[in-house]
Amino acid sequence: MSDVEKRWTEIAKMLEGRTIVKVRYLSEEEADDLDWYCRPVVMFLDNGEYIFPMADDEGNNGGALATSYDDHALLPVI
């Protein structure tokens, strides 16, 4: 594992043990504030934080989520 991967893996561990307590799509107003035309799923965590997918590291747009569910393999942007 490279040093970069080790560093980001440690940072990503902030999600370990968290519970998703609410899920919704980004509102149109929130997307407008980000200058996005795609609205991704937002997951709110038990510690008051939230996460949502982006199209890239620069935050150019919202992103879809792939899942392991057979009947819903994707949570798309809307």
PDB file of N, CA and C in Angstrom:
ATOM      1  N   MET A   1       0.845  -1.174   0.000  1.00  0.00           N
ATOM      2  CA  MET A   1       0.000   0.000   0.000  1.00  0.00           C
ATOM      3  C   MET A   1       0.891   1.239   0.000  1.00  0.00           C
ATOM      4  N   SER A   2       0.611   2.169  -0.896  1.00  0.00           N
ATOM      5  CA  SER A   2       1.425   3.380  -0.996  1.00  0.00           C
ATOM      6  C   SER A   2       1.159   4.295   0.201  1.00  0.00           C
ATOM      7  N   ASP A   3       2.046   5.247   0.404  1.00  0.00           N
ATOM      8  CA  ASP A   3       1.870   6.213   1.488  1.00  0.00           C
ATOM      9  C   ASP A   3       0.591   7.020   1.316  1.00  0.00           C
ATOM     10  N   VAL A   4       0.280   7.362   0.070  1.00  0.00           N
ATOM     11  CA  VAL A   4      -0.948   8.120  -0.211  1.00  0.00           C
ATOM     12  C   VAL A   4      -2.165   7.288   0.168  1.00  0.00           C
ATOM     13  N   GLU A   5      -2.176   6.024  -0.235  1.00  0.00           N
ATOM     14  CA  GLU A   5      -3.299   5.150   0.088  1.00  0.00           C
ATOM     15  C   GLU A   5      -3.427   4.948   1.599  1.00  0.00           C
ATOM     16  N   LYS A   6      -2.303   4.777   2.282  1.00  0.00           N
ATOM     17  CA  LYS A   6      -2.320   4.625   3.741  1.00  0.00           C
ATOM     18  C   LYS A   6      -2.924   5.865   4.399  1.00  0.00           C
ATOM     19  N   ARG A   7      -2.489   7.025   3.955  1.00  0.00           N
ATOM     20  CA  ARG A   7      -2.974   8.281   4.529  1.00  0.00           C
ATOM     21  C   ARG A   7      -4.483   8.409   4.363  1.00  0.00           C
ATOM     22  N   TRP A   8      -4.980   8.197   3.136  1.00  0.00           N
ATOM     23  CA  TRP A   8      -6.405   8.379   2.875  1.00  0.00           C
ATOM     24  C   TRP A   8      -7.245   7.271   3.491  1.00  0.00           C
ATOM     25  N   THR A   9      -6.677   6.077   3.630  1.00  0.00           N
ATOM     26  CA  THR A   9      -7.387   4.998   4.322  1.00  0.00           C
ATOM     27  C   THR A   9      -7.596   5.373   5.787  1.00  0.00           C
ATOM     28  N   GLU A  10      -6.586   5.931   6.410  1.00  0.00           N
ATOM     29  CA  GLU A  10      -6.720   6.374   7.802  1.00  0.00           C
ATOM     30  C   GLU A  10      -7.784   7.471   7.932  1.00  0.00           C
ATOM     31  N   ILE A  11      -7.789   8.408   7.000  1.00  0.00           N
ATOM     32  CA  ILE A  11      -8.788   9.477   7.024  1.00  0.00           C
ATOM     33  C   ILE A  11     -10.190   8.896   6.812  1.00  0.00           C
ATOM     34  N   ALA A  12     -10.332   7.949   5.884  1.00  0.00           N
ATOM     35  CA  ALA A  12     -11.629   7.340   5.585  1.00  0.00           C
ATOM     36  C   ALA A  12     -12.201   6.580   6.774  1.00  0.00           C
ATOM     37  N   LYS A  13     -11.344   6.178   7.707  1.00  0.00           N
ATOM     38  CA  LYS A  13     -11.821   5.458   8.887  1.00  0.00           C
ATOM     39  C   LYS A  13     -12.736   6.301   9.757  1.00  0.00           C
ATOM     40  N   MET A  14     -12.853   7.605   9.452  1.00  0.00           N
ATOM     41  CA  MET A  14     -13.803   8.442  10.183  1.00  0.00           C
ATOM     42  C   MET A  14     -15.228   7.927   9.994  1.00  0.00           C
ATOM     43  N   LEU A  15     -15.448   7.123   8.956  1.00  0.00           N
ATOM     44  CA  LEU A  15     -16.777   6.564   8.676  1.00  0.00           C
ATOM     45  C   LEU A  15     -17.038   5.249   9.413  1.00  0.00           C
ATOM     46  N   GLU A  16     -15.986   4.601   9.918  1.00  0.00           N
ATOM     47  CA  GLU A  16     -16.153   3.319  10.603  1.00  0.00           C
ATOM     48  C   GLU A  16     -17.021   3.491  11.838  1.00  0.00           C
ATOM     49  N   GLY A  17     -17.985   2.602  11.987  1.00  0.00           N
ATOM     50  CA  GLY A  17     -18.843   2.619  13.157  1.00  0.00           C
ATOM     51  C   GLY A  17     -19.968   3.633  13.116  1.00  0.00           C
ATOM     52  N   ARG A  18     -19.976   4.482  12.110  1.00  0.00           N
ATOM     53  CA  ARG A  18     -21.039   5.484  11.984  1.00  0.00           C
ATOM     54  C   ARG A  18     -22.315   4.796  11.535  1.00  0.00           C
ATOM     55  N   THR A  19     -23.430   5.398  11.835  1.00  0.00           N
ATOM     56  CA  THR A  19     -24.728   4.900  11.407  1.00  0.00           C
ATOM     57  C   THR A  19     -25.394   5.953  10.548  1.00  0.00           C
ATOM     58  N   ILE A  20     -25.949   5.530   9.434  1.00  0.00           N
ATOM     59  CA  ILE A  20     -26.724   6.444   8.587  1.00  0.00           C
ATOM     60  C   ILE A  20     -28.094   6.583   9.233  1.00  0.00           C
ATOM     61  N   VAL A  21     -28.475   7.816   9.569  1.00  0.00           N
ATOM     62  CA  VAL A  21     -29.743   8.039  10.266  1.00  0.00           C
ATOM     63  C   VAL A  21     -30.804   8.683   9.378  1.00  0.00           C
ATOM     64  N   LYS A  22     -30.374   9.211   8.236  1.00  0.00           N
ATOM     65  CA  LYS A  22     -31.320   9.843   7.320  1.00  0.00           C
ATOM     66  C   LYS A  22     -30.712   9.822   5.922  1.00  0.00           C
ATOM     67  N   VAL A  23     -31.563   9.641   4.918  1.00  0.00           N
ATOM     68  CA  VAL A  23     -31.126   9.660   3.524  1.00  0.00           C
ATOM     69  C   VAL A  23     -32.142  10.463   2.721  1.00  0.00           C
ATOM     70  N   ARG A  24     -31.637  11.331   1.853  1.00  0.00           N
ATOM     71  CA  ARG A  24     -32.503  12.078   0.939  1.00  0.00           C
ATOM     72  C   ARG A  24     -31.651  12.534  -0.230  1.00  0.00           C
ATOM     73  N   TYR A  25     -32.289  13.051  -1.235  1.00  0.00           N
ATOM     74  CA  TYR A  25     -31.546  13.645  -2.343  1.00  0.00           C
ATOM     75  C   TYR A  25     -31.266  15.112  -2.030  1.00  0.00           C
ATOM     76  N   LEU A  26     -30.150  15.609  -2.521  1.00  0.00           N
ATOM     77  CA  LEU A  26     -29.822  17.023  -2.411  1.00  0.00           C
ATOM     78  C   LEU A  26     -30.994  17.819  -2.972  1.00  0.00           C
ATOM     79  N   SER A  27     -31.375  18.872  -2.302  1.00  0.00           N
ATOM     80  CA  SER A  27     -32.487  19.690  -2.795  1.00  0.00           C
ATOM     81  C   SER A  27     -32.047  20.490  -4.014  1.00  0.00           C
ATOM     82  N   GLU A  28     -33.007  20.993  -4.759  1.00  0.00           N
ATOM     83  CA  GLU A  28     -32.677  21.824  -5.920  1.00  0.00           C
ATOM     84  C   GLU A  28     -31.904  23.065  -5.476  1.00  0.00           C
ATOM     85  N   GLU A  29     -32.290  23.657  -4.355  1.00  0.00           N
ATOM     86  CA  GLU A  29     -31.600  24.846  -3.839  1.00  0.00           C
ATOM     87  C   GLU A  29     -30.156  24.513  -3.469  1.00  0.00           C
ATOM     88  N   GLU A  30     -29.943  23.387  -2.796  1.00  0.00           N
ATOM     89  CA  GLU A  30     -28.584  22.980  -2.431  1.00  0.00           C
ATOM     90  C   GLU A  30     -27.731  22.743  -3.669  1.00  0.00           C
ATOM     91  N   ALA A  31     -28.312  22.097  -4.678  1.00  0.00           N
ATOM     92  CA  ALA A  31     -27.574  21.860  -5.927  1.00  0.00           C
ATOM     93  C   ALA A  31     -27.245  23.182  -6.612  1.00  0.00           C
ATOM     94  N   ASP A  32     -28.190  24.099  -6.626  1.00  0.00           N
ATOM     95  CA  ASP A  32     -27.938  25.417  -7.214  1.00  0.00           C
ATOM     96  C   ASP A  32     -26.804  26.139  -6.498  1.00  0.00           C
ATOM     97  N   ASP A  33     -26.768  26.037  -5.161  1.00  0.00           N
ATOM     98  CA  ASP A  33     -25.698  26.674  -4.386  1.00  0.00           C
ATOM     99  C   ASP A  33     -24.325  26.135  -4.768  1.00  0.00           C
ATOM    100  N   LEU A  34     -24.281  24.875  -5.200  1.00  0.00           N
ATOM    101  CA  LEU A  34     -23.024  24.243  -5.621  1.00  0.00           C
ATOM    102  C   LEU A  34     -22.767  24.388  -7.123  1.00  0.00           C
ATOM    103  N   ASP A  35     -23.704  25.022  -7.837  1.00  0.00           N
ATOM    104  CA  ASP A  35     -23.648  25.144  -9.297  1.00  0.00           C
ATOM    105  C   ASP A  35     -23.670  23.772  -9.971  1.00  0.00           C
ATOM    106  N   TRP A  36     -24.449  22.851  -9.422  1.00  0.00           N
ATOM    107  CA  TRP A  36     -24.589  21.508  -9.968  1.00  0.00           C
ATOM    108  C   TRP A  36     -25.930  21.363 -10.656  1.00  0.00           C
ATOM    109  N   TYR A  37     -25.975  20.538 -11.689  1.00  0.00           N
ATOM    110  CA  TYR A  37     -27.243  20.189 -12.324  1.00  0.00           C
ATOM    111  C   TYR A  37     -27.673  18.773 -11.954  1.00  0.00           C
ATOM    112  N   CYS A  38     -26.799  17.994 -11.332  1.00  0.00           N
ATOM    113  CA  CYS A  38     -27.127  16.658 -10.848  1.00  0.00           C
ATOM    114  C   CYS A  38     -27.282  16.696  -9.337  1.00  0.00           C
ATOM    115  N   ARG A  39     -28.314  16.015  -8.843  1.00  0.00           N
ATOM    116  CA  ARG A  39     -28.550  15.977  -7.402  1.00  0.00           C
ATOM    117  C   ARG A  39     -28.333  14.563  -6.871  1.00  0.00           C
ATOM    118  N   PRO A  40     -27.270  14.353  -6.081  1.00  0.00           N
ATOM    119  CA  PRO A  40     -26.968  13.038  -5.542  1.00  0.00           C
ATOM    120  C   PRO A  40     -27.688  12.769  -4.217  1.00  0.00           C
ATOM    121  N   VAL A  41     -27.610  11.523  -3.782  1.00  0.00           N
ATOM    122  CA  VAL A  41     -28.096  11.116  -2.470  1.00  0.00           C
ATOM    123  C   VAL A  41     -27.187  11.732  -1.403  1.00  0.00           C
ATOM    124  N   VAL A  42     -27.797  12.196  -0.315  1.00  0.00           N
ATOM    125  CA  VAL A  42     -27.057  12.696   0.848  1.00  0.00           C
ATOM    126  C   VAL A  42     -27.352  11.753   2.005  1.00  0.00           C
ATOM    127  N   MET A  43     -26.317  11.297   2.688  1.00  0.00           N
ATOM    128  CA  MET A  43     -26.474  10.420   3.847  1.00  0.00           C
ATOM    129  C   MET A  43     -26.049  11.176   5.096  1.00  0.00           C
ATOM    130  N   PHE A  44     -26.964  11.284   6.041  1.00  0.00           N
ATOM    131  CA  PHE A  44     -26.704  11.962   7.304  1.00  0.00           C
ATOM    132  C   PHE A  44     -26.318  10.917   8.347  1.00  0.00           C
ATOM    133  N   LEU A  45     -25.260  11.206   9.082  1.00  0.00           N
ATOM    134  CA  LEU A  45     -24.707  10.253  10.034  1.00  0.00           C
ATOM    135  C   LEU A  45     -25.134  10.577  11.463  1.00  0.00           C
ATOM    136  N   ASP A  46     -24.962   9.603  12.335  1.00  0.00           N
ATOM    137  CA  ASP A  46     -25.374   9.724  13.730  1.00  0.00           C
ATOM    138  C   ASP A  46     -24.586  10.776  14.519  1.00  0.00           C
ATOM    139  N   ASN A  47     -23.490  11.230  13.982  1.00  0.00           N
ATOM    140  CA  ASN A  47     -22.683  12.248  14.667  1.00  0.00           C
ATOM    141  C   ASN A  47     -22.955  13.666  14.138  1.00  0.00           C
ATOM    142  N   GLY A  48     -24.008  13.801  13.315  1.00  0.00           N
ATOM    143  CA  GLY A  48     -24.370  15.109  12.782  1.00  0.00           C
ATOM    144  C   GLY A  48     -23.685  15.480  11.481  1.00  0.00           C
ATOM    145  N   GLU A  49     -22.746  14.663  11.029  1.00  0.00           N
ATOM    146  CA  GLU A  49     -22.063  14.919   9.761  1.00  0.00           C
ATOM    147  C   GLU A  49     -22.867  14.319   8.618  1.00  0.00           C
ATOM    148  N   TYR A  50     -22.467  14.602   7.382  1.00  0.00           N
ATOM    149  CA  TYR A  50     -23.140  14.046   6.214  1.00  0.00           C
ATOM    150  C   TYR A  50     -22.123  13.760   5.131  1.00  0.00           C
ATOM    151  N   ILE A  51     -22.497  12.877   4.209  1.00  0.00           N
ATOM    152  CA  ILE A  51     -21.643  12.559   3.071  1.00  0.00           C
ATOM    153  C   ILE A  51     -22.512  12.455   1.822  1.00  0.00           C
ATOM    154  N   PHE A  52     -21.914  12.794   0.677  1.00  0.00           N
ATOM    155  CA  PHE A  52     -22.597  12.617  -0.606  1.00  0.00           C
ATOM    156  C   PHE A  52     -21.541  12.461  -1.690  1.00  0.00           C
ATOM    157  N   PRO A  53     -21.889  11.723  -2.752  1.00  0.00           N
ATOM    158  CA  PRO A  53     -20.920  11.484  -3.818  1.00  0.00           C
ATOM    159  C   PRO A  53     -20.802  12.675  -4.771  1.00  0.00           C
ATOM    160  N   MET A  54     -19.590  12.868  -5.260  1.00  0.00           N
ATOM    161  CA  MET A  54     -19.327  13.917  -6.245  1.00  0.00           C
ATOM    162  C   MET A  54     -18.772  13.260  -7.511  1.00  0.00           C
ATOM    163  N   ALA A  55     -18.877  13.962  -8.610  1.00  0.00           N
ATOM    164  CA  ALA A  55     -18.410  13.437  -9.893  1.00  0.00           C
ATOM    165  C   ALA A  55     -16.893  13.299  -9.942  1.00  0.00           C
ATOM    166  N   ASP A  56     -16.189  14.132  -9.178  1.00  0.00           N
ATOM    167  CA  ASP A  56     -14.731  14.084  -9.174  1.00  0.00           C
ATOM    168  C   ASP A  56     -14.208  14.786  -7.925  1.00  0.00           C
ATOM    169  N   ASP A  57     -12.891  14.752  -7.743  1.00  0.00           N
ATOM    170  CA  ASP A  57     -12.257  15.355  -6.565  1.00  0.00           C
ATOM    171  C   ASP A  57     -12.441  16.860  -6.487  1.00  0.00           C
ATOM    172  N   GLU A  58     -12.724  17.494  -7.599  1.00  0.00           N
ATOM    173  CA  GLU A  58     -12.867  18.947  -7.633  1.00  0.00           C
ATOM    174  C   GLU A  58     -14.284  19.405  -7.322  1.00  0.00           C
ATOM    175  N   GLY A  59     -15.212  18.461  -7.149  1.00  0.00           N
ATOM    176  CA  GLY A  59     -16.587  18.810  -6.814  1.00  0.00           C
ATOM    177  C   GLY A  59     -17.355  19.439  -7.956  1.00  0.00           C
ATOM    178  N   ASN A  60     -17.099  18.980  -9.186  1.00  0.00           N
ATOM    179  CA  ASN A  60     -17.733  19.581 -10.357  1.00  0.00           C
ATOM    180  C   ASN A  60     -19.201  19.233 -10.524  1.00  0.00           C
ATOM    181  N   ASN A  61     -19.684  18.164  -9.884  1.00  0.00           N
ATOM    182  CA  ASN A  61     -21.092  17.812  -9.960  1.00  0.00           C
ATOM    183  C   ASN A  61     -21.356  16.681  -8.989  1.00  0.00           C
ATOM    184  N   GLY A  62     -22.626  16.380  -8.774  1.00  0.00           N
ATOM    185  CA  GLY A  62     -23.003  15.264  -7.927  1.00  0.00           C
ATOM    186  C   GLY A  62     -22.740  13.950  -8.637  1.00  0.00           C
ATOM    187  N   GLY A  63     -22.574  12.882  -7.880  1.00  0.00           N
ATOM    188  CA  GLY A  63     -22.285  11.581  -8.460  1.00  0.00           C
ATOM    189  C   GLY A  63     -23.266  10.506  -8.040  1.00  0.00           C
ATOM    190  N   ALA A  64     -23.309   9.429  -8.796  1.00  0.00           N
ATOM    191  CA  ALA A  64     -24.149   8.276  -8.508  1.00  0.00           C
ATOM    192  C   ALA A  64     -23.429   7.347  -7.532  1.00  0.00           C
ATOM    193  N   LEU A  65     -24.198   6.447  -6.925  1.00  0.00           N
ATOM    194  CA  LEU A  65     -23.635   5.440  -6.027  1.00  0.00           C
ATOM    195  C   LEU A  65     -23.940   4.048  -6.560  1.00  0.00           C
ATOM    196  N   ALA A  66     -22.927   3.225  -6.714  1.00  0.00           N
ATOM    197  CA  ALA A  66     -23.121   1.820  -7.035  1.00  0.00           C
ATOM    198  C   ALA A  66     -23.419   1.077  -5.738  1.00  0.00           C
ATOM    199  N   THR A  67     -24.285   0.055  -5.802  1.00  0.00           N
ATOM    200  CA  THR A  67     -24.596  -0.747  -4.619  1.00  0.00           C
ATOM    201  C   THR A  67     -24.390  -2.223  -4.938  1.00  0.00           C
ATOM    202  N   SER A  68     -24.467  -3.055  -3.916  1.00  0.00           N
ATOM    203  CA  SER A  68     -24.384  -4.501  -4.106  1.00  0.00           C
ATOM    204  C   SER A  68     -25.768  -5.149  -4.092  1.00  0.00           C
ATOM    205  N   TYR A  69     -26.818  -4.345  -4.092  1.00  0.00           N
ATOM    206  CA  TYR A  69     -28.187  -4.867  -4.117  1.00  0.00           C
ATOM    207  C   TYR A  69     -28.516  -5.344  -5.536  1.00  0.00           C
ATOM    208  N   ASP A  70     -29.007  -6.581  -5.660  1.00  0.00           N
ATOM    209  CA  ASP A  70     -29.347  -7.125  -6.972  1.00  0.00           C
ATOM    210  C   ASP A  70     -30.460  -6.335  -7.656  1.00  0.00           C
ATOM    211  N   ASP A  71     -31.447  -5.904  -6.881  1.00  0.00           N
ATOM    212  CA  ASP A  71     -32.601  -5.230  -7.478  1.00  0.00           C
ATOM    213  C   ASP A  71     -32.439  -3.720  -7.609  1.00  0.00           C
ATOM    214  N   HIS A  72     -31.394  -3.154  -7.011  1.00  0.00           N
ATOM    215  CA  HIS A  72     -31.119  -1.714  -7.119  1.00  0.00           C
ATOM    216  C   HIS A  72     -29.604  -1.511  -7.107  1.00  0.00           C
ATOM    217  N   ALA A  73     -28.980  -1.806  -8.209  1.00  0.00           N
ATOM    218  CA  ALA A  73     -27.519  -1.763  -8.297  1.00  0.00           C
ATOM    219  C   ALA A  73     -26.969  -0.343  -8.363  1.00  0.00           C
ATOM    220  N   LEU A  74     -27.857   0.639  -8.430  1.00  0.00           N
ATOM    221  CA  LEU A  74     -27.418   2.014  -8.581  1.00  0.00           C
ATOM    222  C   LEU A  74     -28.379   2.962  -7.888  1.00  0.00           C
ATOM    223  N   LEU A  75     -27.841   3.955  -7.189  1.00  0.00           N
ATOM    224  CA  LEU A  75     -28.610   5.113  -6.728  1.00  0.00           C
ATOM    225  C   LEU A  75     -28.164   6.265  -7.616  1.00  0.00           C
ATOM    226  N   PRO A  76     -28.986   6.626  -8.595  1.00  0.00           N
ATOM    227  CA  PRO A  76     -28.571   7.606  -9.606  1.00  0.00           C
ATOM    228  C   PRO A  76     -28.628   9.032  -9.087  1.00  0.00           C
ATOM    229  N   VAL A  77     -28.058   9.941  -9.837  1.00  0.00           N
ATOM    230  CA  VAL A  77     -28.296  11.360  -9.616  1.00  0.00           C
ATOM    231  C   VAL A  77     -29.631  11.682 -10.269  1.00  0.00           C
ATOM    232  N   ILE A  78     -30.292  12.713  -9.756  1.00  0.00           N
ATOM    233  CA  ILE A  78     -31.560  13.120 -10.364  1.00  0.00           C
ATOM    234  C   ILE A  78     -31.491  14.576 -10.779  1.00  0.00           C
TER     235      ILE A  78
END
